[in-house]
Amino acid sequence: MQSRICRILLVTASMVASLAVLGVSSALATPKGEYSVFAQCPTKIETLSGCLVSRTESGEVTIGNEEVPIVKTQTLQGGTENIAPGVKRLVAALNGETLSKTPQKVPGGLAGIVKCNEIKGEGFFEKLERGGCELIFENKTTGVNATTELAAPASSVILSLAGAEFPELGPALILPIKVKLENPLLGNECYIGSNAHPIVLELTTGKSGSETGSLGEITSRAEGGILVVKNSKLVNGTFAAPGVTGCGEFFSFLLDPIINAKLGLPAASGKNNAVFNTTLELGGIESVRESE
């Protein structure tokens, strides 16, 4: 009897282990071959219409008085859901990096942003502000990176293929962002924009302010299963930018006004520009699933 019970337990354990392996294999299924570019697409979500990867390979962002060139590729990725003919909203990437946090170097660093001798006056508050400025900015740790982050859920990112082809129908891409200024002396919460007050980029292939975009070259691959738009130029020259907050953590009451004054923030519409040179790949959900 005891031997029979042992055999039953062993068979049961073997079945559980087999099911577990099958479950793990299913969970780890990812797009393969030419569709492997969509590895972070949440294909198990039934409402998806497709998978997207968009890489911004060059360009620049000007906020207030500061222009930051894009020299490192930044990736926007995830699934897509149809919300209107030719219009889709994004679904978050599996790894949580729907918009990759890619630092871009700010030309001149802190020295390029702030000059303490520009703070004039001999009153108590002027001296305090100038002294705090010198303590923090006039040292060897001057390099600054600007990192663009999403300032809203992935579902707030809107892609319009209709708008990309016909700019008069509206923006091709709506992207709510905030920009983190990274430097050991600025702390971990120094941002232009926030989740509550994002910078909303309404990027177009047409004309926006002083910038003019272009759709680029439309091709396909994987026997037509992946739409590819190369050399697309998305622009926005009309967005507004709020001031910085949280710079220097405990000293933000000193540093925020200094940085805002130097950068010309807050900056109204017409004083800011974004130019994104991108390559977009969009795969139909059924084709992506079949490749897994």
C-alpha atoms as a PDB file:
ATOM      1  CA  MET A   1       0.000   0.000   0.000  1.00  0.00           C
ATOM      2  CA  GLN A   2       2.751   2.390   0.964  1.00  0.00           C
ATOM      3  CA  SER A   3       4.613   1.576  -2.265  1.00  0.00           C
ATOM      4  CA  ARG A   4       1.476   2.324  -4.309  1.00  0.00           C
ATOM      5  CA  ILE A   5       1.038   5.710  -2.562  1.00  0.00           C
ATOM      6  CA  CYS A   6       4.650   6.566  -3.315  1.00  0.00           C
ATOM      7  CA  ARG A   7       4.167   5.750  -7.007  1.00  0.00           C
ATOM      8  CA  ILE A   8       1.036   7.950  -7.148  1.00  0.00           C
ATOM      9  CA  LEU A   9       2.889  10.819  -5.521  1.00  0.00           C
ATOM     10  CA  LEU A  10       5.788  10.471  -7.966  1.00  0.00           C
ATOM     11  CA  VAL A  11       3.452  10.431 -10.973  1.00  0.00           C
ATOM     12  CA  THR A  12       1.567  13.461  -9.634  1.00  0.00           C
ATOM     13  CA  ALA A  13       4.818  15.360  -9.013  1.00  0.00           C
ATOM     14  CA  SER A  14       5.981  14.503 -12.534  1.00  0.00           C
ATOM     15  CA  MET A  15       2.723  15.799 -14.051  1.00  0.00           C
ATOM     16  CA  VAL A  16       2.922  19.036 -12.046  1.00  0.00           C
ATOM     17  CA  ALA A  17       6.527  19.525 -13.122  1.00  0.00           C
ATOM     18  CA  SER A  18       5.616  18.942 -16.770  1.00  0.00           C
ATOM     19  CA  LEU A  19       2.748  21.428 -16.597  1.00  0.00           C
ATOM     20  CA  ALA A  20       5.034  23.946 -14.933  1.00  0.00           C
ATOM     21  CA  VAL A  21       7.569  23.594 -17.733  1.00  0.00           C
ATOM     22  CA  LEU A  22       4.833  24.044 -20.310  1.00  0.00           C
ATOM     23  CA  GLY A  23       3.616  27.134 -18.478  1.00  0.00           C
ATOM     24  CA  VAL A  24       7.095  28.622 -18.322  1.00  0.00           C
ATOM     25  CA  SER A  25       7.709  27.865 -21.983  1.00  0.00           C
ATOM     26  CA  SER A  26       4.422  29.550 -22.888  1.00  0.00           C
ATOM     27  CA  ALA A  27       5.176  32.559 -20.709  1.00  0.00           C
ATOM     28  CA  LEU A  28       8.623  32.943 -22.249  1.00  0.00           C
ATOM     29  CA  ALA A  29       7.373  32.731 -25.836  1.00  0.00           C
ATOM     30  CA  THR A  30       8.653  35.747 -27.741  1.00  0.00           C
ATOM     31  CA  PRO A  31       8.444  36.863 -31.363  1.00  0.00           C
ATOM     32  CA  LYS A  32      11.110  35.247 -33.519  1.00  0.00           C
ATOM     33  CA  GLY A  33      12.880  35.820 -36.809  1.00  0.00           C
ATOM     34  CA  GLU A  34      12.188  39.183 -38.365  1.00  0.00           C
ATOM     35  CA  TYR A  35       9.536  39.764 -35.694  1.00  0.00           C
ATOM     36  CA  SER A  36      12.066  39.550 -32.842  1.00  0.00           C
ATOM     37  CA  VAL A  37      12.245  43.354 -32.927  1.00  0.00           C
ATOM     38  CA  PHE A  38       8.897  43.224 -31.102  1.00  0.00           C
ATOM     39  CA  ALA A  39      10.244  41.211 -28.154  1.00  0.00           C
ATOM     40  CA  GLN A  40       8.753  43.692 -25.657  1.00  0.00           C
ATOM     41  CA  CYS A  41       5.275  43.697 -27.222  1.00  0.00           C
ATOM     42  CA  PRO A  42       2.615  42.349 -24.788  1.00  0.00           C
ATOM     43  CA  THR A  43       1.192  39.904 -27.335  1.00  0.00           C
ATOM     44  CA  LYS A  44      -0.967  38.056 -24.784  1.00  0.00           C
ATOM     45  CA  ILE A  45      -3.310  41.059 -24.499  1.00  0.00           C
ATOM     46  CA  GLU A  46      -6.303  40.137 -26.648  1.00  0.00           C
ATOM     47  CA  THR A  47      -7.243  43.703 -27.628  1.00  0.00           C
ATOM     48  CA  LEU A  48      -3.941  44.430 -29.371  1.00  0.00           C
ATOM     49  CA  SER A  49      -4.019  45.304 -33.042  1.00  0.00           C
ATOM     50  CA  GLY A  50      -0.265  45.386 -33.507  1.00  0.00           C
ATOM     51  CA  CYS A  51       3.244  45.871 -32.112  1.00  0.00           C
ATOM     52  CA  LEU A  52       5.357  48.998 -32.473  1.00  0.00           C
ATOM     53  CA  VAL A  53       9.009  49.957 -32.264  1.00  0.00           C
ATOM     54  CA  SER A  54      10.030  53.536 -33.085  1.00  0.00           C
ATOM     55  CA  ARG A  55      13.652  54.641 -32.817  1.00  0.00           C
ATOM     56  CA  THR A  56      14.642  58.303 -32.690  1.00  0.00           C
ATOM     57  CA  GLU A  57      18.182  58.233 -34.038  1.00  0.00           C
ATOM     58  CA  SER A  58      19.009  61.951 -34.222  1.00  0.00           C
ATOM     59  CA  GLY A  59      17.533  65.424 -33.910  1.00  0.00           C
ATOM     60  CA  GLU A  60      17.385  67.990 -31.144  1.00  0.00           C
ATOM     61  CA  VAL A  61      15.150  69.370 -28.438  1.00  0.00           C
ATOM     62  CA  THR A  62      15.224  73.069 -27.573  1.00  0.00           C
ATOM     63  CA  ILE A  63      13.541  74.080 -24.322  1.00  0.00           C
ATOM     64  CA  GLY A  64      13.772  77.739 -23.472  1.00  0.00           C
ATOM     65  CA  ASN A  65      17.359  78.843 -24.118  1.00  0.00           C
ATOM     66  CA  GLU A  66      18.927  75.368 -24.101  1.00  0.00           C
ATOM     67  CA  GLU A  67      19.321  73.102 -27.138  1.00  0.00           C
ATOM     68  CA  VAL A  68      20.126  69.441 -26.492  1.00  0.00           C
ATOM     69  CA  PRO A  69      21.143  67.360 -29.527  1.00  0.00           C
ATOM     70  CA  ILE A  70      19.924  63.757 -29.740  1.00  0.00           C
ATOM     71  CA  VAL A  71      23.045  61.660 -30.299  1.00  0.00           C
ATOM     72  CA  LYS A  72      21.987  58.383 -28.644  1.00  0.00           C
ATOM     73  CA  THR A  73      19.064  56.394 -30.038  1.00  0.00           C
ATOM     74  CA  GLN A  74      15.905  56.520 -27.934  1.00  0.00           C
ATOM     75  CA  THR A  75      13.298  53.794 -28.370  1.00  0.00           C
ATOM     76  CA  LEU A  76       9.509  53.935 -28.058  1.00  0.00           C
ATOM     77  CA  GLN A  77       7.967  50.450 -28.004  1.00  0.00           C
ATOM     78  CA  GLY A  78       4.989  48.344 -26.968  1.00  0.00           C
ATOM     79  CA  GLY A  79       1.684  47.152 -28.326  1.00  0.00           C
ATOM     80  CA  THR A  80      -1.008  49.165 -30.096  1.00  0.00           C
ATOM     81  CA  GLU A  81      -4.788  49.273 -29.792  1.00  0.00           C
ATOM     82  CA  ASN A  82      -7.092  50.810 -32.404  1.00  0.00           C
ATOM     83  CA  ILE A  83      -9.175  53.720 -31.096  1.00  0.00           C
ATOM     84  CA  ALA A  84     -10.312  55.192 -34.446  1.00  0.00           C
ATOM     85  CA  PRO A  85      -9.647  54.533 -38.135  1.00  0.00           C
ATOM     86  CA  GLY A  86      -5.908  55.056 -38.617  1.00  0.00           C
ATOM     87  CA  VAL A  87      -5.408  56.055 -34.965  1.00  0.00           C
ATOM     88  CA  LYS A  88      -3.832  53.879 -32.266  1.00  0.00           C
ATOM     89  CA  ARG A  89      -2.897  54.181 -28.614  1.00  0.00           C
ATOM     90  CA  LEU A  90       0.137  52.550 -27.097  1.00  0.00           C
ATOM     91  CA  VAL A  91       0.113  49.635 -24.638  1.00  0.00           C
ATOM     92  CA  ALA A  92       3.041  49.437 -22.215  1.00  0.00           C
ATOM     93  CA  ALA A  93       6.123  47.383 -23.105  1.00  0.00           C
ATOM     94  CA  LEU A  94       6.684  44.133 -21.211  1.00  0.00           C
ATOM     95  CA  ASN A  95       9.925  45.336 -19.602  1.00  0.00           C
ATOM     96  CA  GLY A  96       8.367  48.597 -18.418  1.00  0.00           C
ATOM     97  CA  GLU A  97      10.558  50.716 -20.716  1.00  0.00           C
ATOM     98  CA  THR A  98       7.892  51.946 -23.115  1.00  0.00           C
ATOM     99  CA  LEU A  99      10.137  54.968 -23.694  1.00  0.00           C
ATOM    100  CA  SER A 100      13.773  54.105 -23.055  1.00  0.00           C
ATOM    101  CA  LYS A 101      15.547  56.347 -20.559  1.00  0.00           C
ATOM    102  CA  THR A 102      18.411  57.428 -22.772  1.00  0.00           C
ATOM    103  CA  PRO A 103      20.632  60.226 -21.403  1.00  0.00           C
ATOM    104  CA  GLN A 104      21.644  62.967 -23.833  1.00  0.00           C
ATOM    105  CA  LYS A 105      24.560  65.232 -22.931  1.00  0.00           C
ATOM    106  CA  VAL A 106      23.724  68.905 -22.266  1.00  0.00           C
ATOM    107  CA  PRO A 107      26.339  71.055 -24.068  1.00  0.00           C
ATOM    108  CA  GLY A 108      28.483  72.924 -21.547  1.00  0.00           C
ATOM    109  CA  GLY A 109      27.030  71.084 -18.542  1.00  0.00           C
ATOM    110  CA  LEU A 110      26.311  73.110 -15.432  1.00  0.00           C
ATOM    111  CA  ALA A 111      28.804  75.768 -16.508  1.00  0.00           C
ATOM    112  CA  GLY A 112      26.810  76.241 -19.685  1.00  0.00           C
ATOM    113  CA  ILE A 113      23.549  76.565 -17.766  1.00  0.00           C
ATOM    114  CA  VAL A 114      24.497  78.697 -14.780  1.00  0.00           C
ATOM    115  CA  LYS A 115      26.983  81.536 -14.239  1.00  0.00           C
ATOM    116  CA  CYS A 116      26.946  82.572 -10.600  1.00  0.00           C
ATOM    117  CA  ASN A 117      28.407  86.033 -11.273  1.00  0.00           C
ATOM    118  CA  GLU A 118      25.216  86.893 -13.129  1.00  0.00           C
ATOM    119  CA  ILE A 119      23.391  86.978  -9.776  1.00  0.00           C
ATOM    120  CA  LYS A 120      23.664  90.662  -8.844  1.00  0.00           C
ATOM    121  CA  GLY A 121      22.917  92.553  -5.663  1.00  0.00           C
ATOM    122  CA  GLU A 122      24.381  92.903  -2.177  1.00  0.00           C
ATOM    123  CA  GLY A 123      21.285  92.175  -0.132  1.00  0.00           C
ATOM    124  CA  PHE A 124      20.998  89.177   2.191  1.00  0.00           C
ATOM    125  CA  PHE A 125      18.985  87.021  -0.215  1.00  0.00           C
ATOM    126  CA  GLU A 126      21.156  87.949  -3.223  1.00  0.00           C
ATOM    127  CA  LYS A 127      24.311  86.969  -1.301  1.00  0.00           C
ATOM    128  CA  LEU A 128      22.679  83.749  -0.099  1.00  0.00           C
ATOM    129  CA  GLU A 129      21.629  82.851  -3.626  1.00  0.00           C
ATOM    130  CA  ARG A 130      25.051  83.694  -5.078  1.00  0.00           C
ATOM    131  CA  GLY A 131      26.855  81.762  -2.324  1.00  0.00           C
ATOM    132  CA  GLY A 132      24.648  78.711  -2.814  1.00  0.00           C
ATOM    133  CA  CYS A 133      25.216  78.920  -6.551  1.00  0.00           C
ATOM    134  CA  GLU A 134      29.009  79.022  -6.147  1.00  0.00           C
ATOM    135  CA  LEU A 135      28.982  76.159  -3.634  1.00  0.00           C
ATOM    136  CA  ILE A 136      27.065  73.862  -5.955  1.00  0.00           C
ATOM    137  CA  PHE A 137      28.025  74.902  -9.464  1.00  0.00           C
ATOM    138  CA  GLU A 138      31.632  76.084  -9.284  1.00  0.00           C
ATOM    139  CA  ASN A 139      33.309  72.712  -8.860  1.00  0.00           C
ATOM    140  CA  LYS A 140      34.557  69.829 -10.997  1.00  0.00           C
ATOM    141  CA  THR A 141      31.278  67.909 -11.137  1.00  0.00           C
ATOM    142  CA  THR A 142      29.732  69.896 -13.955  1.00  0.00           C
ATOM    143  CA  GLY A 143      28.517  67.357 -16.550  1.00  0.00           C
ATOM    144  CA  VAL A 144      24.744  67.264 -17.060  1.00  0.00           C
ATOM    145  CA  ASN A 145      22.600  64.744 -18.927  1.00  0.00           C
ATOM    146  CA  ALA A 146      19.022  65.337 -20.036  1.00  0.00           C
ATOM    147  CA  THR A 147      16.833  62.225 -20.057  1.00  0.00           C
ATOM    148  CA  THR A 148      13.378  62.266 -21.597  1.00  0.00           C
ATOM    149  CA  GLU A 149      10.803  60.158 -19.719  1.00  0.00           C
ATOM    150  CA  LEU A 150       7.110  59.449 -20.187  1.00  0.00           C
ATOM    151  CA  ALA A 151       4.993  61.668 -17.937  1.00  0.00           C
ATOM    152  CA  ALA A 152       1.761  59.676 -18.316  1.00  0.00           C
ATOM    153  CA  PRO A 153       0.635  56.065 -18.845  1.00  0.00           C
ATOM    154  CA  ALA A 154       1.514  54.416 -22.155  1.00  0.00           C
ATOM    155  CA  SER A 155      -2.137  54.715 -23.202  1.00  0.00           C
ATOM    156  CA  SER A 156      -1.639  58.499 -23.401  1.00  0.00           C
ATOM    157  CA  VAL A 157       0.765  58.025 -26.323  1.00  0.00           C
ATOM    158  CA  ILE A 158      -1.259  58.340 -29.526  1.00  0.00           C
ATOM    159  CA  LEU A 159      -0.058  57.295 -32.980  1.00  0.00           C
ATOM    160  CA  SER A 160      -1.946  58.481 -36.055  1.00  0.00           C
ATOM    161  CA  LEU A 161      -0.956  56.876 -39.342  1.00  0.00           C
ATOM    162  CA  ALA A 162      -3.555  59.084 -40.994  1.00  0.00           C
ATOM    163  CA  GLY A 163      -1.957  62.173 -39.477  1.00  0.00           C
ATOM    164  CA  ALA A 164       1.495  61.020 -40.546  1.00  0.00           C
ATOM    165  CA  GLU A 165       0.413  60.759 -44.181  1.00  0.00           C
ATOM    166  CA  PHE A 166      -1.935  63.749 -44.128  1.00  0.00           C
ATOM    167  CA  PRO A 167      -0.636  66.308 -41.561  1.00  0.00           C
ATOM    168  CA  GLU A 168      -3.752  68.439 -41.916  1.00  0.00           C
ATOM    169  CA  LEU A 169      -5.630  65.656 -40.075  1.00  0.00           C
ATOM    170  CA  GLY A 170      -3.617  66.256 -36.902  1.00  0.00           C
ATOM    171  CA  PRO A 171      -0.368  65.175 -35.235  1.00  0.00           C
ATOM    172  CA  ALA A 172       1.292  61.891 -36.173  1.00  0.00           C
ATOM    173  CA  LEU A 173       2.402  61.253 -32.574  1.00  0.00           C
ATOM    174  CA  ILE A 174       1.260  62.699 -29.245  1.00  0.00           C
ATOM    175  CA  LEU A 175       3.886  62.170 -26.552  1.00  0.00           C
ATOM    176  CA  PRO A 176       3.550  63.494 -22.952  1.00  0.00           C
ATOM    177  CA  ILE A 177       7.041  63.813 -21.461  1.00  0.00           C
ATOM    178  CA  LYS A 178       9.150  65.265 -18.682  1.00  0.00           C
ATOM    179  CA  VAL A 179      12.906  65.898 -18.883  1.00  0.00           C
ATOM    180  CA  LYS A 180      15.195  64.886 -16.042  1.00  0.00           C
ATOM    181  CA  LEU A 181      18.389  66.907 -15.566  1.00  0.00           C
ATOM    182  CA  GLU A 182      20.970  64.482 -14.202  1.00  0.00           C
ATOM    183  CA  ASN A 183      23.980  65.555 -12.164  1.00  0.00           C
ATOM    184  CA  PRO A 184      25.117  64.478  -8.667  1.00  0.00           C
ATOM    185  CA  LEU A 185      24.638  68.019  -7.401  1.00  0.00           C
ATOM    186  CA  LEU A 186      21.119  68.357  -8.775  1.00  0.00           C
ATOM    187  CA  GLY A 187      19.771  65.345  -6.885  1.00  0.00           C
ATOM    188  CA  ASN A 188      17.381  62.717  -8.207  1.00  0.00           C
ATOM    189  CA  GLU A 189      14.266  64.819  -8.749  1.00  0.00           C
ATOM    190  CA  CYS A 190      15.363  67.705 -10.974  1.00  0.00           C
ATOM    191  CA  TYR A 191      12.798  67.829 -13.789  1.00  0.00           C
ATOM    192  CA  ILE A 192      11.456  70.104 -16.463  1.00  0.00           C
ATOM    193  CA  GLY A 193       7.806  69.095 -16.485  1.00  0.00           C
ATOM    194  CA  SER A 194       6.112  66.496 -14.319  1.00  0.00           C
ATOM    195  CA  ASN A 195       3.344  63.912 -14.349  1.00  0.00           C
ATOM    196  CA  ALA A 196       0.959  66.637 -13.183  1.00  0.00           C
ATOM    197  CA  HIS A 197       2.263  69.212 -15.681  1.00  0.00           C
ATOM    198  CA  PRO A 198       3.811  67.333 -18.624  1.00  0.00           C
ATOM    199  CA  ILE A 199       5.385  68.722 -21.758  1.00  0.00           C
ATOM    200  CA  VAL A 200       2.982  67.531 -24.449  1.00  0.00           C
ATOM    201  CA  LEU A 201       4.689  67.019 -27.801  1.00  0.00           C
ATOM    202  CA  GLU A 202       2.265  66.962 -30.720  1.00  0.00           C
ATOM    203  CA  LEU A 203       4.679  65.774 -33.379  1.00  0.00           C
ATOM    204  CA  THR A 204       3.807  66.184 -37.037  1.00  0.00           C
ATOM    205  CA  THR A 205       5.270  65.379 -40.431  1.00  0.00           C
ATOM    206  CA  GLY A 206       3.947  68.752 -41.601  1.00  0.00           C
ATOM    207  CA  LYS A 207       4.705  72.284 -40.431  1.00  0.00           C
ATOM    208  CA  SER A 208       4.753  73.300 -36.758  1.00  0.00           C
ATOM    209  CA  GLY A 209       6.009  76.738 -35.807  1.00  0.00           C
ATOM    210  CA  SER A 210       9.366  77.275 -37.479  1.00  0.00           C
ATOM    211  CA  GLU A 211       9.905  73.554 -38.100  1.00  0.00           C
ATOM    212  CA  THR A 212       8.833  71.430 -41.058  1.00  0.00           C
ATOM    213  CA  GLY A 213       8.723  67.643 -40.931  1.00  0.00           C
ATOM    214  CA  SER A 214       8.445  64.912 -43.533  1.00  0.00           C
ATOM    215  CA  LEU A 215       6.897  61.448 -43.700  1.00  0.00           C
ATOM    216  CA  GLY A 216       9.968  59.639 -45.009  1.00  0.00           C
ATOM    217  CA  GLU A 217      10.119  56.408 -46.983  1.00  0.00           C
ATOM    218  CA  ILE A 218       7.379  53.778 -46.533  1.00  0.00           C
ATOM    219  CA  THR A 219       8.488  50.174 -47.100  1.00  0.00           C
ATOM    220  CA  SER A 220       7.774  46.734 -45.627  1.00  0.00           C
ATOM    221  CA  ARG A 221       9.539  43.519 -44.713  1.00  0.00           C
ATOM    222  CA  ALA A 222       8.716  40.002 -43.485  1.00  0.00           C
ATOM    223  CA  GLU A 223       6.688  39.477 -46.678  1.00  0.00           C
ATOM    224  CA  GLY A 224       4.604  42.552 -45.911  1.00  0.00           C
ATOM    225  CA  GLY A 225       3.943  41.643 -42.268  1.00  0.00           C
ATOM    226  CA  ILE A 226       5.943  44.610 -40.925  1.00  0.00           C
ATOM    227  CA  LEU A 227       5.322  48.185 -42.063  1.00  0.00           C
ATOM    228  CA  VAL A 228       8.518  50.247 -42.009  1.00  0.00           C
ATOM    229  CA  VAL A 229       8.715  54.046 -42.187  1.00  0.00           C
ATOM    230  CA  LYS A 230      12.332  55.193 -42.619  1.00  0.00           C
ATOM    231  CA  ASN A 231      13.869  58.662 -42.328  1.00  0.00           C
ATOM    232  CA  SER A 232      10.712  60.201 -40.907  1.00  0.00           C
ATOM    233  CA  LYS A 233      11.128  63.716 -39.509  1.00  0.00           C
ATOM    234  CA  LEU A 234       8.662  64.506 -36.728  1.00  0.00           C
ATOM    235  CA  VAL A 235       8.576  68.076 -35.457  1.00  0.00           C
ATOM    236  CA  ASN A 236       6.814  70.278 -32.925  1.00  0.00           C
ATOM    237  CA  GLY A 237       7.524  73.984 -32.692  1.00  0.00           C
ATOM    238  CA  THR A 238       4.512  75.105 -30.671  1.00  0.00           C
ATOM    239  CA  PHE A 239       4.669  73.302 -27.313  1.00  0.00           C
ATOM    240  CA  ALA A 240       5.009  75.117 -23.984  1.00  0.00           C
ATOM    241  CA  ALA A 241       7.471  74.111 -21.255  1.00  0.00           C
ATOM    242  CA  PRO A 242       7.067  74.626 -17.488  1.00  0.00           C
ATOM    243  CA  GLY A 243       9.877  75.543 -15.123  1.00  0.00           C
ATOM    244  CA  VAL A 244      12.177  73.119 -13.332  1.00  0.00           C
ATOM    245  CA  THR A 245      11.310  71.650  -9.947  1.00  0.00           C
ATOM    246  CA  GLY A 246      13.192  69.617  -7.357  1.00  0.00           C
ATOM    247  CA  CYS A 247      16.732  70.621  -8.352  1.00  0.00           C
ATOM    248  CA  GLY A 248      19.191  70.184  -5.507  1.00  0.00           C
ATOM    249  CA  GLU A 249      16.573  68.489  -3.328  1.00  0.00           C
ATOM    250  CA  PHE A 250      16.810  70.438  -0.032  1.00  0.00           C
ATOM    251  CA  PHE A 251      18.247  73.466  -1.880  1.00  0.00           C
ATOM    252  CA  SER A 252      15.621  73.522  -4.615  1.00  0.00           C
ATOM    253  CA  PHE A 253      14.244  76.820  -3.271  1.00  0.00           C
ATOM    254  CA  LEU A 254      17.637  78.286  -4.254  1.00  0.00           C
ATOM    255  CA  LEU A 255      18.462  76.329  -7.392  1.00  0.00           C
ATOM    256  CA  ASP A 256      15.110  76.157  -9.171  1.00  0.00           C
ATOM    257  CA  PRO A 257      14.899  79.952  -9.676  1.00  0.00           C
ATOM    258  CA  ILE A 258      18.561  80.086 -10.812  1.00  0.00           C
ATOM    259  CA  ILE A 259      18.142  77.349 -13.409  1.00  0.00           C
ATOM    260  CA  ASN A 260      14.776  78.680 -14.570  1.00  0.00           C
ATOM    261  CA  ALA A 261      16.250  82.142 -15.098  1.00  0.00           C
ATOM    262  CA  LYS A 262      19.203  80.787 -17.062  1.00  0.00           C
ATOM    263  CA  LEU A 263      17.128  78.418 -19.212  1.00  0.00           C
ATOM    264  CA  GLY A 264      14.365  80.948 -19.801  1.00  0.00           C
ATOM    265  CA  LEU A 265      11.692  78.819 -18.130  1.00  0.00           C
ATOM    266  CA  PRO A 266       8.778  78.593 -18.081  1.00  0.00           C
ATOM    267  CA  ALA A 267       8.800  79.018 -21.872  1.00  0.00           C
ATOM    268  CA  ALA A 268       5.626  79.743 -23.819  1.00  0.00           C
ATOM    269  CA  SER A 269       4.603  78.246 -27.146  1.00  0.00           C
ATOM    270  CA  GLY A 270       6.919  79.374 -29.922  1.00  0.00           C
ATOM    271  CA  LYS A 271      10.076  79.374 -27.785  1.00  0.00           C
ATOM    272  CA  ASN A 272      10.619  75.606 -27.860  1.00  0.00           C
ATOM    273  CA  ASN A 273      11.297  73.105 -30.634  1.00  0.00           C
ATOM    274  CA  ALA A 274      11.574  69.351 -31.031  1.00  0.00           C
ATOM    275  CA  VAL A 275      12.944  67.528 -34.076  1.00  0.00           C
ATOM    276  CA  PHE A 276      12.929  63.720 -34.056  1.00  0.00           C
ATOM    277  CA  ASN A 277      14.465  61.785 -36.951  1.00  0.00           C
ATOM    278  CA  THR A 278      12.957  58.335 -36.616  1.00  0.00           C
ATOM    279  CA  THR A 279      12.512  54.859 -38.032  1.00  0.00           C
ATOM    280  CA  LEU A 280       9.185  53.205 -37.198  1.00  0.00           C
ATOM    281  CA  GLU A 281       8.291  49.514 -37.463  1.00  0.00           C
ATOM    282  CA  LEU A 282       4.705  48.313 -37.022  1.00  0.00           C
ATOM    283  CA  GLY A 283       3.768  44.641 -37.083  1.00  0.00           C
ATOM    284  CA  GLY A 284       0.272  43.153 -37.342  1.00  0.00           C
ATOM    285  CA  ILE A 285      -0.589  41.275 -34.154  1.00  0.00           C
ATOM    286  CA  GLU A 286      -1.522  37.967 -35.818  1.00  0.00           C
ATOM    287  CA  SER A 287       1.761  37.807 -37.728  1.00  0.00           C
ATOM    288  CA  VAL A 288       3.733  38.623 -34.569  1.00  0.00           C
ATOM    289  CA  ARG A 289       1.911  35.937 -32.571  1.00  0.00           C
ATOM    290  CA  GLU A 290       2.426  33.342 -35.282  1.00  0.00           C
ATOM    291  CA  SER A 291       6.186  33.919 -35.103  1.00  0.00           C
ATOM    292  CA  GLU A 292       6.346  33.018 -31.392  1.00  0.00           C
END
